[in-house]
Amino acid sequence: MMLFVASSIARADDVTDWNQHMLRAGTVGGTSPLVMSRVAAIVQASVFDAVNGIDRKYAPVHVPPAGPAGASRRAAAVEAAYTALVALYPAQKSTFDARLAVSLTAIASDPLETSAGITSGIAWGKTAANGIWDWRTKDGFTPAPDPFQGGTGVGEWRPTPPGFLSGAGPQFAYMTPWVIGSPSQFRPNGPPGMTSTRYVADFNETKMMGSISSPIRTADEAIYSWFWAASTATYLWNHVADSLIEGGDGDENDDSGRWERRDSLLESARLLALLDIAMADAAIACWEAKYHYVFWRPVTAIPLADTDENPATSPDPNWAPLFATPPHPEYPSGHSTVSGAAAVVLASFFGENRHFTMDNDLMIGVTRSFWSFSQALNEVKNARIFAGIH
């Protein structure tokens, strides 16, 4: 597969523009965080294989690089994104049609482009996207399995209030990964034993910090708990990537990753494909572990603490988290897993100690700024605890 190496890359309007169109489509479509990881990987793999199929510099994600000589890379990129998005969100086709028209008009006005090149680029972009789509429709996402209800034993996940929904996305636990060997390849050792001191420490931290009425959680901690939950990890990290791509240089004091401003659609397409494929496989691996361990959520564990055979944990039948618990097993954290994968990819391009700012279109006016990717990951971790869901 493609290598995670630092590259000299730069602004690529067509690639980042259509990445933003993808993120808006996910928001309009009400796409869940889990499903959005699959959506983004399909779209960005399509874009990368389309552009790389013309430049033929890297190994493809899936589609052999057979783009015709002289084909427009820009037209191939936008058509690949468009074709993938129409397949994923057919109800939004009229919106995509309008955006495609804008993109193709801009490309046609570029003196470096030719009519024949644009036509062949469009055809190749469609071919690349269809190749990715045909491949991933066999990944096990559909048909959905029977509803998962968990169990009622001590430590077992079961549907949680307020909706008491069945477990979300159980098929992700056995879906075909993009690049890792199997969903269980990186399965962690499992949650702490319920009679362990680690379990007691984690239990009490979440009980105090994650309660809806916590007297010790600060206002800022509550804000960033909501911030990281309001939008999908895919939305947040792709926005960061787009911003850094368009911003130019990486951290001049960190040679582990440099991103120099240079016109290259291919390198931008590659970065976003690496980012979204890494997050998609992280989601698959995480869900394999979740549905392997089927561990209960704090909203269940805390009221039922008198059943956990640990005298150091005390129950609170009225305990409630800061916000509603997502409907799937607790261990490991999905947001933390996917964000960890995203941070590794971005740090490999821009350097670990890279300043960046995140915004969230579902929390207008709220931004989070970080001086490193590790700092952001620490906030993600705490956000899940302070929200009372881990």
Protein backbone atom coordinates (compact mmCIF):
# COMPACT_ATOMS: atom_id res chain seq x y z
CA MET A 1 0.00 0.00 0.00
CA MET A 2 1.06 3.66 0.06
CA LEU A 3 3.84 4.71 2.40
CA PHE A 4 3.47 7.11 5.32
CA VAL A 5 6.36 9.40 4.44
CA ALA A 6 6.81 13.14 4.56
CA SER A 7 6.10 14.79 1.22
CA SER A 8 6.52 18.16 -0.42
CA ILE A 9 2.91 19.02 -1.07
CA ALA A 10 0.69 22.03 -1.45
CA ARG A 11 -2.68 23.54 -1.93
CA ALA A 12 -5.04 21.62 -4.18
CA ASP A 13 -8.39 23.37 -4.43
CA ASP A 14 -10.29 20.67 -6.30
CA VAL A 15 -9.31 17.94 -3.85
CA THR A 16 -10.01 19.92 -0.69
CA ASP A 17 -13.16 21.49 -2.13
CA TRP A 18 -14.69 18.10 -2.82
CA ASN A 19 -13.53 16.83 0.54
CA GLN A 20 -15.61 19.63 2.05
CA HIS A 21 -18.57 18.73 -0.19
CA MET A 22 -18.30 15.18 1.17
CA LEU A 23 -18.35 16.41 4.77
CA ARG A 24 -21.42 18.58 4.10
CA ALA A 25 -23.16 15.63 2.47
CA GLY A 26 -22.55 13.55 5.58
CA THR A 27 -24.01 16.25 7.80
CA VAL A 28 -27.06 16.75 5.56
CA GLY A 29 -27.57 13.00 5.34
CA GLY A 30 -27.40 12.58 9.13
CA THR A 31 -24.61 10.04 8.70
CA SER A 32 -23.46 8.43 11.96
CA PRO A 33 -19.80 8.75 13.00
CA LEU A 34 -19.23 5.06 12.32
CA VAL A 35 -20.75 5.03 8.84
CA MET A 36 -19.03 8.33 8.00
CA SER A 37 -15.66 6.60 8.36
CA ARG A 38 -16.65 4.25 5.52
CA VAL A 39 -18.09 7.08 3.40
CA ALA A 40 -14.93 9.17 3.62
CA ALA A 41 -12.64 6.28 2.77
CA ILE A 42 -14.70 5.43 -0.33
CA VAL A 43 -14.69 9.01 -1.58
CA GLN A 44 -11.03 9.78 -0.91
CA ALA A 45 -9.81 6.41 -2.21
CA SER A 46 -11.74 7.16 -5.41
CA VAL A 47 -10.13 10.59 -5.74
CA PHE A 48 -6.63 9.24 -5.07
CA ASP A 49 -6.88 6.33 -7.50
CA ALA A 50 -8.26 8.71 -10.14
CA VAL A 51 -5.39 11.21 -9.87
CA ASN A 52 -2.70 8.61 -9.24
CA GLY A 53 -3.99 6.60 -12.20
CA ILE A 54 -2.86 9.46 -14.42
CA ASP A 55 0.38 10.38 -12.60
CA ARG A 56 1.26 6.73 -11.80
CA LYS A 57 3.56 7.60 -8.92
CA TYR A 58 2.24 5.40 -6.08
CA ALA A 59 0.67 1.99 -5.66
CA PRO A 60 -3.11 2.36 -6.00
CA VAL A 61 -5.62 1.73 -3.27
CA HIS A 62 -7.46 -0.69 -5.54
CA VAL A 63 -7.93 0.52 -9.14
CA PRO A 64 -4.97 -0.21 -11.47
CA PRO A 65 -3.38 3.04 -12.70
CA ALA A 66 -4.62 3.15 -16.29
CA GLY A 67 -5.57 6.79 -16.76
CA PRO A 68 -5.16 7.94 -20.38
CA ALA A 69 -2.22 10.12 -21.34
CA GLY A 70 -3.16 13.79 -21.41
CA ALA A 71 -6.22 13.32 -19.21
CA SER A 72 -7.02 16.21 -16.87
CA ARG A 73 -6.07 15.31 -13.31
CA ARG A 74 -8.39 18.00 -12.00
CA ALA A 75 -11.38 16.70 -13.96
CA ALA A 76 -10.58 13.15 -12.88
CA ALA A 77 -10.49 14.19 -9.22
CA VAL A 78 -13.80 16.05 -9.19
CA GLU A 79 -15.59 13.41 -11.26
CA ALA A 80 -14.34 10.63 -8.98
CA ALA A 81 -15.59 12.48 -5.89
CA TYR A 82 -18.89 13.27 -7.59
CA THR A 83 -19.47 9.69 -8.76
CA ALA A 84 -18.72 8.26 -5.31
CA LEU A 85 -20.96 10.79 -3.57
CA VAL A 86 -23.90 10.17 -5.90
CA ALA A 87 -23.58 6.43 -5.16
CA LEU A 88 -23.48 7.10 -1.41
CA TYR A 89 -26.11 9.89 -1.26
CA PRO A 90 -28.41 9.57 -4.29
CA ALA A 91 -30.98 11.88 -2.67
CA GLN A 92 -28.44 14.72 -2.85
CA LYS A 93 -27.64 14.28 -6.55
CA SER A 94 -29.02 17.68 -7.56
CA THR A 95 -26.67 19.37 -5.10
CA PHE A 96 -23.70 17.40 -6.40
CA ASP A 97 -24.72 18.19 -9.99
CA ALA A 98 -24.59 21.91 -9.26
CA ARG A 99 -21.21 21.64 -7.55
CA LEU A 100 -19.80 19.53 -10.37
CA ALA A 101 -20.88 22.16 -12.89
CA VAL A 102 -19.05 24.85 -10.91
CA SER A 103 -15.90 22.74 -10.71
CA LEU A 104 -15.86 21.82 -14.39
CA THR A 105 -16.46 25.44 -15.42
CA ALA A 106 -13.45 26.49 -13.36
CA ILE A 107 -11.33 23.73 -14.86
CA ALA A 108 -12.38 24.66 -18.40
CA SER A 109 -11.27 28.23 -17.76
CA ASP A 110 -7.74 27.08 -16.87
CA PRO A 111 -5.46 27.79 -19.84
CA LEU A 112 -3.44 24.68 -19.02
CA GLU A 113 -6.47 22.44 -19.58
CA THR A 114 -7.82 21.19 -22.91
CA SER A 115 -11.29 20.08 -23.87
CA ALA A 116 -10.05 16.63 -24.84
CA GLY A 117 -8.11 16.30 -21.60
CA ILE A 118 -11.12 17.28 -19.53
CA THR A 119 -13.34 14.79 -21.35
CA SER A 120 -10.91 11.92 -20.85
CA GLY A 121 -10.30 12.98 -17.24
CA ILE A 122 -14.02 12.85 -16.51
CA ALA A 123 -14.29 9.38 -18.03
CA TRP A 124 -11.29 8.09 -16.07
CA GLY A 125 -12.49 9.63 -12.80
CA LYS A 126 -15.81 7.84 -13.20
CA THR A 127 -14.01 4.57 -13.92
CA ALA A 128 -11.84 4.89 -10.81
CA ALA A 129 -14.79 5.71 -8.54
CA ASN A 130 -16.86 2.87 -9.93
CA GLY A 131 -13.95 0.50 -9.31
CA ILE A 132 -13.75 1.52 -5.65
CA TRP A 133 -17.54 1.39 -5.26
CA ASP A 134 -17.84 -2.08 -6.80
CA TRP A 135 -15.10 -3.34 -4.49
CA ARG A 136 -16.48 -1.88 -1.27
CA THR A 137 -20.09 -2.91 -1.87
CA LYS A 138 -18.79 -6.40 -1.06
CA ASP A 139 -17.14 -5.38 2.22
CA GLY A 140 -19.87 -6.77 4.52
CA PHE A 141 -21.53 -3.45 5.33
CA THR A 142 -24.77 -4.84 3.94
CA PRO A 143 -26.94 -6.66 4.65
CA ALA A 144 -27.15 -5.50 8.25
CA PRO A 145 -27.24 -8.31 10.84
CA ASP A 146 -30.00 -8.90 13.36
CA PRO A 147 -30.24 -6.29 16.15
CA PHE A 148 -27.63 -6.76 18.87
CA GLN A 149 -29.02 -6.63 22.40
CA GLY A 150 -25.94 -7.59 24.40
CA GLY A 151 -26.46 -9.45 27.67
CA THR A 152 -27.63 -9.03 31.23
CA GLY A 153 -24.66 -10.53 33.05
CA VAL A 154 -22.32 -8.53 35.27
CA GLY A 155 -20.09 -6.36 33.09
CA GLU A 156 -22.05 -7.04 29.91
CA TRP A 157 -23.25 -4.25 27.66
CA ARG A 158 -26.98 -3.87 27.22
CA PRO A 159 -29.11 -1.08 25.60
CA THR A 160 -28.76 2.16 27.52
CA PRO A 161 -31.05 5.10 28.31
CA PRO A 162 -32.70 7.17 27.08
CA GLY A 163 -33.38 5.39 23.79
CA PHE A 164 -32.43 1.82 24.77
CA LEU A 165 -31.32 1.24 21.17
CA SER A 166 -29.77 -2.00 19.97
CA GLY A 167 -26.01 -2.02 19.38
CA ALA A 168 -24.92 0.20 16.48
CA GLY A 169 -23.06 -1.22 13.51
CA PRO A 170 -22.29 -4.77 14.65
CA GLN A 171 -21.34 -5.64 11.06
CA PHE A 172 -18.30 -3.35 11.33
CA ALA A 173 -16.80 -5.95 13.66
CA TYR A 174 -16.36 -8.35 10.74
CA MET A 175 -16.27 -6.06 7.71
CA THR A 176 -13.42 -6.41 5.23
CA PRO A 177 -10.72 -3.91 6.20
CA TRP A 178 -9.06 -1.61 3.70
CA VAL A 179 -5.41 -2.41 4.43
CA ILE A 180 -4.99 -4.19 7.76
CA GLY A 181 -4.86 -7.97 7.73
CA SER A 182 -8.05 -8.62 9.69
CA PRO A 183 -10.44 -6.75 12.00
CA SER A 184 -8.85 -8.47 15.03
CA GLN A 185 -5.22 -7.79 14.05
CA PHE A 186 -4.76 -5.06 16.66
CA ARG A 187 -7.31 -6.19 19.25
CA PRO A 188 -6.32 -4.73 22.67
CA ASN A 189 -6.01 -6.91 25.75
CA GLY A 190 -9.40 -5.93 27.13
CA PRO A 191 -10.92 -3.70 29.80
CA PRO A 192 -9.57 -3.82 33.37
CA GLY A 193 -10.94 -6.63 35.51
CA MET A 194 -13.81 -5.41 37.66
CA THR A 195 -12.04 -6.41 40.89
CA SER A 196 -8.84 -4.55 39.93
CA THR A 197 -7.61 -1.28 41.40
CA ARG A 198 -7.50 0.17 37.86
CA TYR A 199 -11.20 -0.49 37.46
CA VAL A 200 -11.93 1.25 40.75
CA ALA A 201 -9.90 4.30 39.73
CA ASP A 202 -11.58 4.52 36.33
CA PHE A 203 -15.02 3.92 37.83
CA ASN A 204 -14.64 6.69 40.39
CA GLU A 205 -13.15 9.17 37.90
CA THR A 206 -16.06 8.75 35.50
CA LYS A 207 -18.58 8.74 38.33
CA MET A 208 -17.32 12.11 39.58
CA MET A 209 -16.18 13.84 36.39
CA GLY A 210 -18.76 12.46 33.98
CA SER A 211 -21.93 12.99 35.98
CA ILE A 212 -24.46 15.39 34.50
CA SER A 213 -24.33 17.25 37.81
CA SER A 214 -20.55 16.97 38.42
CA PRO A 215 -19.41 19.64 40.86
CA ILE A 216 -15.76 19.37 39.79
CA ARG A 217 -15.94 19.32 35.97
CA THR A 218 -15.02 22.80 34.73
CA ALA A 219 -17.01 24.79 32.19
CA ASP A 220 -14.22 24.34 29.63
CA GLU A 221 -14.17 20.59 30.19
CA ALA A 222 -17.90 20.45 29.58
CA ILE A 223 -17.56 22.56 26.42
CA TYR A 224 -14.88 20.39 24.87
CA SER A 225 -16.75 17.23 25.81
CA TRP A 226 -19.68 18.52 23.74
CA PHE A 227 -17.31 19.79 21.02
CA TRP A 228 -15.78 16.39 20.33
CA ALA A 229 -19.23 14.74 20.33
CA ALA A 230 -21.15 17.26 18.21
CA SER A 231 -19.50 16.30 14.89
CA THR A 232 -18.00 13.06 13.65
CA ALA A 233 -14.29 12.36 14.02
CA THR A 234 -14.18 12.19 10.22
CA TYR A 235 -15.59 15.71 9.97
CA LEU A 236 -13.22 17.18 12.53
CA TRP A 237 -9.99 15.59 11.31
CA ASN A 238 -10.70 16.14 7.61
CA HIS A 239 -11.27 19.81 8.36
CA VAL A 240 -7.89 19.92 10.07
CA ALA A 241 -6.26 18.19 7.10
CA ASP A 242 -7.83 20.58 4.59
CA SER A 243 -6.75 23.56 6.64
CA LEU A 244 -3.17 22.32 6.94
CA ILE A 245 -2.99 21.43 3.23
CA GLU A 246 -4.06 24.92 2.29
CA GLY A 247 -1.94 26.54 4.97
CA GLY A 248 1.41 25.42 3.58
CA ASP A 249 4.45 24.50 5.67
CA GLY A 250 4.52 22.05 8.52
CA ASP A 251 6.41 22.64 11.77
CA GLU A 252 9.81 24.02 10.90
CA ASN A 253 11.19 22.61 14.17
CA ASP A 254 10.00 19.06 13.53
CA ASP A 255 11.63 17.23 10.63
CA SER A 256 9.44 14.13 11.06
CA GLY A 257 6.86 15.68 8.76
CA ARG A 258 7.03 18.60 6.35
CA TRP A 259 4.36 19.89 4.03
CA GLU A 260 5.75 22.53 1.71
CA ARG A 261 3.50 24.68 -0.42
CA ARG A 262 3.70 23.32 -3.97
CA ASP A 263 1.01 22.69 -6.56
CA SER A 264 0.20 18.99 -6.36
CA LEU A 265 -3.27 17.48 -6.61
CA LEU A 266 -1.75 14.02 -6.24
CA GLU A 267 -0.09 14.66 -2.90
CA SER A 268 -3.19 16.24 -1.41
CA ALA A 269 -5.32 13.36 -2.70
CA ARG A 270 -2.83 10.92 -1.21
CA LEU A 271 -2.85 12.55 2.20
CA LEU A 272 -6.65 12.53 2.41
CA ALA A 273 -6.82 8.92 1.20
CA LEU A 274 -4.28 7.85 3.83
CA LEU A 275 -6.15 9.79 6.51
CA ASP A 276 -9.59 8.42 5.74
CA ILE A 277 -8.50 4.84 5.06
CA ALA A 278 -6.60 4.83 8.36
CA MET A 279 -9.69 6.08 10.19
CA ALA A 280 -11.92 3.56 8.41
CA ASP A 281 -9.70 0.64 9.39
CA ALA A 282 -9.39 2.01 12.92
CA ALA A 283 -13.18 2.00 13.17
CA ILE A 284 -13.36 -1.60 11.94
CA ALA A 285 -10.67 -2.71 14.39
CA CYS A 286 -12.34 -0.82 17.24
CA TRP A 287 -15.74 -2.34 16.53
CA GLU A 288 -14.24 -5.82 16.41
CA ALA A 289 -12.92 -5.28 19.92
CA LYS A 290 -16.15 -3.68 21.14
CA TYR A 291 -18.25 -6.63 20.03
CA HIS A 292 -15.66 -9.11 21.26
CA TYR A 293 -15.54 -7.78 24.84
CA VAL A 294 -19.13 -6.41 24.98
CA PHE A 295 -18.28 -4.35 28.08
CA TRP A 296 -20.88 -2.30 29.90
CA ARG A 297 -21.14 1.47 29.84
CA PRO A 298 -20.83 3.70 32.93
CA VAL A 299 -24.57 4.47 32.79
CA THR A 300 -25.09 0.76 33.48
CA ALA A 301 -22.03 0.02 35.63
CA ILE A 302 -22.52 2.80 38.17
CA PRO A 303 -26.15 2.07 39.14
CA LEU A 304 -25.34 -1.66 39.28
CA ALA A 305 -22.03 -1.35 41.13
CA ASP A 306 -23.34 -3.51 43.99
CA THR A 307 -23.24 -6.46 41.58
CA ASP A 308 -19.64 -6.10 40.36
CA GLU A 309 -18.07 -8.01 43.29
CA ASN A 310 -15.83 -5.07 44.09
CA PRO A 311 -16.44 -3.55 47.55
CA ALA A 312 -14.52 -0.41 46.53
CA THR A 313 -17.20 0.66 44.04
CA SER A 314 -20.44 2.09 45.35
CA PRO A 315 -23.67 2.28 43.33
CA ASP A 316 -25.68 5.38 42.56
CA PRO A 317 -29.08 4.42 41.11
CA ASN A 318 -29.73 8.02 40.01
CA TRP A 319 -26.41 8.62 38.24
CA ALA A 320 -26.61 10.01 34.68
CA PRO A 321 -23.87 11.09 32.24
CA LEU A 322 -23.38 14.58 30.83
CA PHE A 323 -25.05 13.51 27.59
CA ALA A 324 -26.69 10.42 26.14
CA THR A 325 -24.49 7.36 25.84
CA PRO A 326 -23.82 6.11 22.27
CA PRO A 327 -25.55 2.77 21.58
CA HIS A 328 -22.64 0.34 21.44
CA PRO A 329 -20.29 -1.42 23.89
CA GLU A 330 -17.86 0.66 25.90
CA TYR A 331 -14.41 -0.80 25.25
CA PRO A 332 -12.45 0.55 23.47
CA SER A 333 -13.43 4.15 22.74
CA GLY A 334 -14.40 4.65 19.10
CA HIS A 335 -13.58 8.36 18.97
CA SER A 336 -10.22 7.83 20.66
CA THR A 337 -9.29 4.96 18.33
CA VAL A 338 -10.23 6.79 15.14
CA SER A 339 -8.68 10.06 16.32
CA GLY A 340 -5.47 8.23 17.21
CA ALA A 341 -5.19 6.91 13.66
CA ALA A 342 -5.90 10.37 12.23
CA ALA A 343 -3.27 12.02 14.39
CA VAL A 344 -0.56 9.54 13.36
CA VAL A 345 -1.22 10.19 9.67
CA LEU A 346 -1.32 13.96 10.02
CA ALA A 347 1.79 14.05 12.22
CA SER A 348 3.66 12.02 9.59
CA PHE A 349 3.01 14.78 7.06
CA PHE A 350 3.05 17.94 9.16
CA GLY A 351 5.15 17.01 12.20
CA GLU A 352 3.93 16.15 15.67
CA ASN A 353 4.43 19.64 17.09
CA ARG A 354 2.14 21.44 14.69
CA HIS A 355 -0.17 24.23 15.81
CA PHE A 356 -3.71 23.94 14.47
CA THR A 357 -7.22 25.09 15.30
CA MET A 358 -10.46 23.13 15.01
CA ASP A 359 -13.94 24.49 14.53
CA ASN A 360 -17.26 22.68 14.51
CA ASP A 361 -20.19 23.77 12.38
CA LEU A 362 -22.58 22.28 14.92
CA MET A 363 -21.12 24.49 17.67
CA ILE A 364 -20.83 27.86 15.94
CA GLY A 365 -18.26 30.14 17.51
CA VAL A 366 -16.50 27.39 19.50
CA THR A 367 -12.93 26.55 18.50
CA ARG A 368 -10.19 24.41 20.01
CA SER A 369 -6.51 25.17 19.45
CA PHE A 370 -3.61 22.79 19.95
CA TRP A 371 0.18 22.90 19.78
CA SER A 372 0.56 19.22 18.94
CA PHE A 373 -1.47 16.25 17.80
CA SER A 374 -0.77 14.53 21.12
CA GLN A 375 -2.34 17.44 22.97
CA ALA A 376 -5.49 17.05 20.89
CA LEU A 377 -5.61 13.30 21.55
CA ASN A 378 -5.35 13.89 25.28
CA GLU A 379 -8.37 16.18 25.06
CA VAL A 380 -10.29 13.54 23.07
CA LYS A 381 -9.57 10.99 25.80
CA ASN A 382 -10.67 13.29 28.59
CA ALA A 383 -13.74 14.41 26.67
CA ARG A 384 -15.14 10.89 26.66
CA ILE A 385 -14.56 10.48 30.41
CA PHE A 386 -15.86 13.93 31.31
CA ALA A 387 -18.99 13.21 29.26
CA GLY A 388 -19.61 10.11 31.35
CA ILE A 389 -19.66 7.69 28.43
CA HIS A 390 -16.32 5.93 29.15
